[in-house]
C-alpha cells in the first residue's frame, strides 16, 4: 500500500517518539509556544505501533529525554532510543523555530537516513509539524493530553489523502523518591 514507507519506517517510528519533545521556540515565539515546549521537557517513555504499510502491526517502545539547546536560539535536543523486540535504535533530533515556522532534523536528516522537519504550528496543547524525506511528505501531530500524557500520530501523504501510519503514547517519567522533612 505505501511502498515508500517501508524504507523509512524505523525513522518514522523514531520521529513519532520525538514529537512533543523536539520543537523549540526563539525569543520571537508566542508565549503559548514557549509554554507548550517547556511542558514537554524531561523524560518520556511509551509504546507505539505502525498502523499502515509493509510494517503494519509492528509494535515498538521508546525511552527519550528532551533537554533545552544551548546558544542564542532556544530549542530542544532529543536523545534516547526506540526498541522493537531485541533491536534497539538510537534516536536523536534537534529542532528550533525558523522565522514564523519550525525546522530541524531527525537523525541525520533527509539527506541521510532520517527526516527533515520543514514547517510547524503550535497551539495551546498541540504541535503539528511537516516532515519530508525525498519524495515522502507528511505531518506529525503531538497532543499533550495532560501534563503526563503525550499522544503522537504520524501521517504520510498518498495521492491527495493523509494516511495515519504510526501512533505513539508517551508517559512522563518522574522520580518516585519520597521527600520529607525531619523534625527535631
C-alpha atoms as a PDB file:
ATOM      1  CA  UNK A   1       0.000   0.000   0.000  1.00  0.00           C
ATOM      2  CA  UNK A   2       2.708   2.501   0.969  1.00  0.00           C
ATOM      3  CA  UNK A   3       5.920   1.249  -0.664  1.00  0.00           C
ATOM      4  CA  UNK A   4       7.959   4.340   0.208  1.00  0.00           C
ATOM      5  CA  UNK A   5       7.022   3.956   3.865  1.00  0.00           C
ATOM      6  CA  UNK A   6       8.727   0.577   4.149  1.00  0.00           C
ATOM      7  CA  UNK A   7      12.128   2.131   3.538  1.00  0.00           C
ATOM      8  CA  UNK A   8      11.795   4.699   6.305  1.00  0.00           C
ATOM      9  CA  UNK A   9       9.538   3.016   8.857  1.00  0.00           C
ATOM     10  CA  UNK A  10      12.287   2.958  11.522  1.00  0.00           C
ATOM     11  CA  UNK A  11      12.908   6.685  11.054  1.00  0.00           C
ATOM     12  CA  UNK A  12       9.189   7.459  11.220  1.00  0.00           C
ATOM     13  CA  UNK A  13       8.863   5.439  14.410  1.00  0.00           C
ATOM     14  CA  UNK A  14      11.631   7.474  15.990  1.00  0.00           C
ATOM     15  CA  UNK A  15      10.152  10.703  14.721  1.00  0.00           C
ATOM     16  CA  UNK A  16       6.879   9.802  16.373  1.00  0.00           C
ATOM     17  CA  UNK A  17       8.752   9.428  19.609  1.00  0.00           C
ATOM     18  CA  UNK A  18      10.322  12.827  19.340  1.00  0.00           C
ATOM     19  CA  UNK A  19       7.089  14.624  18.525  1.00  0.00           C
ATOM     20  CA  UNK A  20       6.296  16.780  21.510  1.00  0.00           C
ATOM     21  CA  UNK A  21       9.863  16.677  22.738  1.00  0.00           C
ATOM     22  CA  UNK A  22      11.715  18.040  19.786  1.00  0.00           C
ATOM     23  CA  UNK A  23      10.446  21.504  18.978  1.00  0.00           C
ATOM     24  CA  UNK A  24      11.600  24.778  20.444  1.00  0.00           C
ATOM     25  CA  UNK A  25      10.927  28.489  20.328  1.00  0.00           C
ATOM     26  CA  UNK A  26      13.086  31.594  19.997  1.00  0.00           C
ATOM     27  CA  UNK A  27      12.592  34.971  21.624  1.00  0.00           C
ATOM     28  CA  UNK A  28      10.065  35.851  18.882  1.00  0.00           C
ATOM     29  CA  UNK A  29       7.884  32.859  19.677  1.00  0.00           C
ATOM     30  CA  UNK A  30       4.433  33.313  21.146  1.00  0.00           C
ATOM     31  CA  UNK A  31       4.168  32.735  24.912  1.00  0.00           C
ATOM     32  CA  UNK A  32       1.876  29.758  24.233  1.00  0.00           C
ATOM     33  CA  UNK A  33       4.590  28.165  22.042  1.00  0.00           C
ATOM     34  CA  UNK A  34       7.124  28.612  24.816  1.00  0.00           C
ATOM     35  CA  UNK A  35       4.704  27.210  27.415  1.00  0.00           C
ATOM     36  CA  UNK A  36       3.935  24.143  25.283  1.00  0.00           C
ATOM     37  CA  UNK A  37       7.595  23.336  24.658  1.00  0.00           C
ATOM     38  CA  UNK A  38       8.519  23.848  28.302  1.00  0.00           C
ATOM     39  CA  UNK A  39       5.724  21.466  29.279  1.00  0.00           C
ATOM     40  CA  UNK A  40       7.265  18.612  27.274  1.00  0.00           C
ATOM     41  CA  UNK A  41      10.846  18.856  28.572  1.00  0.00           C
ATOM     42  CA  UNK A  42      12.007  15.813  30.520  1.00  0.00           C
ATOM     43  CA  UNK A  43      11.980  12.043  30.301  1.00  0.00           C
ATOM     44  CA  UNK A  44       9.245  10.195  28.412  1.00  0.00           C
ATOM     45  CA  UNK A  45       8.577   6.588  27.505  1.00  0.00           C
ATOM     46  CA  UNK A  46       5.820   4.541  25.982  1.00  0.00           C
ATOM     47  CA  UNK A  47       4.524   2.115  23.383  1.00  0.00           C
ATOM     48  CA  UNK A  48       3.763   2.714  19.744  1.00  0.00           C
ATOM     49  CA  UNK A  49       2.561   0.841  16.698  1.00  0.00           C
ATOM     50  CA  UNK A  50       2.938   1.113  12.938  1.00  0.00           C
ATOM     51  CA  UNK A  51      -0.667   1.036  11.681  1.00  0.00           C
ATOM     52  CA  UNK A  52      -0.213   1.068   7.878  1.00  0.00           C
ATOM     53  CA  UNK A  53       2.211  -0.090   5.214  1.00  0.00           C
ATOM     54  CA  UNK A  54       4.607  -3.003   4.954  1.00  0.00           C
ATOM     55  CA  UNK A  55       5.363  -2.995   8.690  1.00  0.00           C
ATOM     56  CA  UNK A  56       1.715  -2.687   9.785  1.00  0.00           C
ATOM     57  CA  UNK A  57       1.198  -4.226  13.224  1.00  0.00           C
ATOM     58  CA  UNK A  58       4.813  -3.715  14.344  1.00  0.00           C
ATOM     59  CA  UNK A  59       4.871  -2.637  17.971  1.00  0.00           C
ATOM     60  CA  UNK A  60       7.751  -0.693  19.499  1.00  0.00           C
ATOM     61  CA  UNK A  61       8.596   1.247  22.648  1.00  0.00           C
ATOM     62  CA  UNK A  62      10.660   4.374  23.159  1.00  0.00           C
ATOM     63  CA  UNK A  63      12.630   5.972  26.008  1.00  0.00           C
ATOM     64  CA  UNK A  64      13.559   9.607  25.337  1.00  0.00           C
ATOM     65  CA  UNK A  65      14.960  12.660  27.090  1.00  0.00           C
ATOM     66  CA  UNK A  66      14.371  16.202  25.865  1.00  0.00           C
ATOM     67  CA  UNK A  67      16.739  18.953  27.017  1.00  0.00           C
ATOM     68  CA  UNK A  68      16.959  22.631  26.046  1.00  0.00           C
ATOM     69  CA  UNK A  69      19.606  23.521  23.469  1.00  0.00           C
ATOM     70  CA  UNK A  70      22.359  25.986  24.262  1.00  0.00           C
ATOM     71  CA  UNK A  71      23.076  29.189  22.372  1.00  0.00           C
ATOM     72  CA  UNK A  72      21.113  32.201  21.196  1.00  0.00           C
ATOM     73  CA  UNK A  73      18.336  30.168  19.590  1.00  0.00           C
ATOM     74  CA  UNK A  74      16.216  28.282  22.069  1.00  0.00           C
ATOM     75  CA  UNK A  75      15.380  24.725  21.161  1.00  0.00           C
ATOM     76  CA  UNK A  76      15.275  21.138  22.277  1.00  0.00           C
ATOM     77  CA  UNK A  77      17.728  18.339  21.758  1.00  0.00           C
ATOM     78  CA  UNK A  78      16.276  14.872  21.969  1.00  0.00           C
ATOM     79  CA  UNK A  79      18.272  11.757  22.751  1.00  0.00           C
ATOM     80  CA  UNK A  80      17.216   8.228  23.520  1.00  0.00           C
ATOM     81  CA  UNK A  81      16.210   5.041  21.771  1.00  0.00           C
ATOM     82  CA  UNK A  82      13.299   3.033  20.441  1.00  0.00           C
ATOM     83  CA  UNK A  83      13.135  -0.729  20.694  1.00  0.00           C
ATOM     84  CA  UNK A  84      11.411  -3.347  18.533  1.00  0.00           C
ATOM     85  CA  UNK A  85      11.806  -6.718  20.220  1.00  0.00           C
ATOM     86  CA  UNK A  86      15.533  -7.183  20.891  1.00  0.00           C
ATOM     87  CA  UNK A  87      16.540  -4.496  18.366  1.00  0.00           C
ATOM     88  CA  UNK A  88      17.399  -1.076  19.783  1.00  0.00           C
ATOM     89  CA  UNK A  89      17.646   2.019  17.537  1.00  0.00           C
ATOM     90  CA  UNK A  90      19.275   5.231  18.814  1.00  0.00           C
ATOM     91  CA  UNK A  91      17.123   8.328  18.337  1.00  0.00           C
ATOM     92  CA  UNK A  92      18.194  11.955  18.227  1.00  0.00           C
ATOM     93  CA  UNK A  93      16.792  15.242  16.996  1.00  0.00           C
ATOM     94  CA  UNK A  94      17.435  18.944  17.221  1.00  0.00           C
ATOM     95  CA  UNK A  95      14.658  21.367  16.292  1.00  0.00           C
ATOM     96  CA  UNK A  96      14.171  25.122  16.556  1.00  0.00           C
ATOM     97  CA  UNK A  97      11.979  27.928  15.342  1.00  0.00           C
ATOM     98  CA  UNK A  98      12.785  29.268  11.872  1.00  0.00           C
ATOM     99  CA  UNK A  99      11.028  32.601  11.415  1.00  0.00           C
ATOM    100  CA  UNK A 100       7.302  32.048  11.865  1.00  0.00           C
ATOM    101  CA  UNK A 101       7.615  28.285  11.464  1.00  0.00           C
ATOM    102  CA  UNK A 102       9.833  25.427  12.621  1.00  0.00           C
ATOM    103  CA  UNK A 103      12.688  23.458  11.148  1.00  0.00           C
ATOM    104  CA  UNK A 104      15.185  20.834  12.072  1.00  0.00           C
ATOM    105  CA  UNK A 105      16.100  17.263  11.514  1.00  0.00           C
ATOM    106  CA  UNK A 106      15.685  13.835  12.916  1.00  0.00           C
ATOM    107  CA  UNK A 107      18.756  11.574  12.992  1.00  0.00           C
ATOM    108  CA  UNK A 108      20.925  12.830  10.112  1.00  0.00           C
ATOM    109  CA  UNK A 109      18.112  14.458   8.134  1.00  0.00           C
ATOM    110  CA  UNK A 110      16.576  13.578   4.772  1.00  0.00           C
ATOM    111  CA  UNK A 111      19.953  13.580   3.036  1.00  0.00           C
ATOM    112  CA  UNK A 112      20.986  10.657   5.241  1.00  0.00           C
ATOM    113  CA  UNK A 113      18.732   8.055   6.862  1.00  0.00           C
ATOM    114  CA  UNK A 114      16.484  10.465   8.744  1.00  0.00           C
ATOM    115  CA  UNK A 115      13.848  13.107   8.102  1.00  0.00           C
ATOM    116  CA  UNK A 116      13.672  16.875   7.822  1.00  0.00           C
ATOM    117  CA  UNK A 117      11.191  18.973   9.799  1.00  0.00           C
ATOM    118  CA  UNK A 118      10.100  21.566   7.236  1.00  0.00           C
ATOM    119  CA  UNK A 119       7.267  23.507   8.903  1.00  0.00           C
ATOM    120  CA  UNK A 120       5.279  23.760  12.099  1.00  0.00           C
ATOM    121  CA  UNK A 121       2.436  25.330  14.061  1.00  0.00           C
ATOM    122  CA  UNK A 122       1.837  25.292  17.820  1.00  0.00           C
ATOM    123  CA  UNK A 123      -1.432  25.751  19.688  1.00  0.00           C
ATOM    124  CA  UNK A 124      -2.186  25.552  23.401  1.00  0.00           C
ATOM    125  CA  UNK A 125      -1.866  21.768  23.736  1.00  0.00           C
ATOM    126  CA  UNK A 126      -0.807  20.588  20.275  1.00  0.00           C
ATOM    127  CA  UNK A 127       2.006  20.866  17.757  1.00  0.00           C
ATOM    128  CA  UNK A 128       1.751  19.984  14.059  1.00  0.00           C
ATOM    129  CA  UNK A 129       4.952  19.732  12.009  1.00  0.00           C
ATOM    130  CA  UNK A 130       5.557  18.982   8.357  1.00  0.00           C
ATOM    131  CA  UNK A 131       8.017  16.162   7.678  1.00  0.00           C
ATOM    132  CA  UNK A 132       9.918  15.360   4.495  1.00  0.00           C
ATOM    133  CA  UNK A 133      12.241  12.705   3.118  1.00  0.00           C
ATOM    134  CA  UNK A 134      12.922  12.880  -0.598  1.00  0.00           C
ATOM    135  CA  UNK A 135       9.507  12.257  -2.251  1.00  0.00           C
ATOM    136  CA  UNK A 136       7.724  11.421   1.008  1.00  0.00           C
ATOM    137  CA  UNK A 137       5.769  14.228   2.672  1.00  0.00           C
ATOM    138  CA  UNK A 138       3.691  14.042   5.789  1.00  0.00           C
ATOM    139  CA  UNK A 139       2.752  15.526   9.125  1.00  0.00           C
ATOM    140  CA  UNK A 140       3.326  14.746  12.757  1.00  0.00           C
ATOM    141  CA  UNK A 141       0.741  15.756  15.341  1.00  0.00           C
ATOM    142  CA  UNK A 142       1.574  15.680  19.049  1.00  0.00           C
ATOM    143  CA  UNK A 143      -1.158  16.449  21.575  1.00  0.00           C
ATOM    144  CA  UNK A 144      -0.475  16.895  25.275  1.00  0.00           C
ATOM    145  CA  UNK A 145      -3.495  15.156  26.849  1.00  0.00           C
ATOM    146  CA  UNK A 146      -2.410  16.172  30.371  1.00  0.00           C
ATOM    147  CA  UNK A 147       0.949  17.026  31.991  1.00  0.00           C
ATOM    148  CA  UNK A 148       1.975  13.351  31.948  1.00  0.00           C
ATOM    149  CA  UNK A 149       0.499  12.054  28.657  1.00  0.00           C
ATOM    150  CA  UNK A 150       1.536  12.871  25.098  1.00  0.00           C
ATOM    151  CA  UNK A 151      -0.159  11.218  22.097  1.00  0.00           C
ATOM    152  CA  UNK A 152       1.548  11.303  18.715  1.00  0.00           C
ATOM    153  CA  UNK A 153       0.303  10.464  15.222  1.00  0.00           C
ATOM    154  CA  UNK A 154       2.352  10.483  12.027  1.00  0.00           C
ATOM    155  CA  UNK A 155       0.576  10.574   8.685  1.00  0.00           C
ATOM    156  CA  UNK A 156       2.012  10.466   5.169  1.00  0.00           C
ATOM    157  CA  UNK A 157       0.552  11.948   2.014  1.00  0.00           C
ATOM    158  CA  UNK A 158      -0.593   9.360  -0.534  1.00  0.00           C
ATOM    159  CA  UNK A 159      -2.134  10.931  -3.634  1.00  0.00           C
ATOM    160  CA  UNK A 160      -4.377  13.624  -2.111  1.00  0.00           C
ATOM    161  CA  UNK A 161      -5.023  11.942   1.243  1.00  0.00           C
ATOM    162  CA  UNK A 162      -3.154  11.940   4.549  1.00  0.00           C
ATOM    163  CA  UNK A 163      -2.883   8.327   5.794  1.00  0.00           C
ATOM    164  CA  UNK A 164      -2.064   7.700   9.502  1.00  0.00           C
ATOM    165  CA  UNK A 165       0.892   5.299   9.694  1.00  0.00           C
ATOM    166  CA  UNK A 166       2.234   5.497  13.263  1.00  0.00           C
ATOM    167  CA  UNK A 167       0.682   6.042  16.681  1.00  0.00           C
ATOM    168  CA  UNK A 168       2.595   6.530  19.916  1.00  0.00           C
ATOM    169  CA  UNK A 169       1.546   7.155  23.522  1.00  0.00           C
ATOM    170  CA  UNK A 170       4.246   8.639  25.742  1.00  0.00           C
ATOM    171  CA  UNK A 171       4.105   8.954  29.523  1.00  0.00           C
ATOM    172  CA  UNK A 172       6.256  11.347  31.518  1.00  0.00           C
ATOM    173  CA  UNK A 173       8.723   9.519  33.738  1.00  0.00           C
ATOM    174  CA  UNK A 174       9.004  11.006  37.211  1.00  0.00           C
ATOM    175  CA  UNK A 175      11.249  10.175  40.123  1.00  0.00           C
ATOM    176  CA  UNK A 176       9.108   8.489  42.773  1.00  0.00           C
ATOM    177  CA  UNK A 177      11.610   9.179  45.548  1.00  0.00           C
ATOM    178  CA  UNK A 178       9.758  10.288  48.662  1.00  0.00           C
ATOM    179  CA  UNK A 179      10.945  13.568  50.088  1.00  0.00           C
ATOM    180  CA  UNK A 180      10.156  14.686  53.601  1.00  0.00           C
ATOM    181  CA  UNK A 181      11.478  16.621  56.495  1.00  0.00           C
ATOM    182  CA  UNK A 182      12.888  15.612  59.843  1.00  0.00           C
ATOM    183  CA  UNK A 183      11.554  17.404  62.882  1.00  0.00           C
ATOM    184  CA  UNK A 184      13.911  17.788  65.839  1.00  0.00           C
END
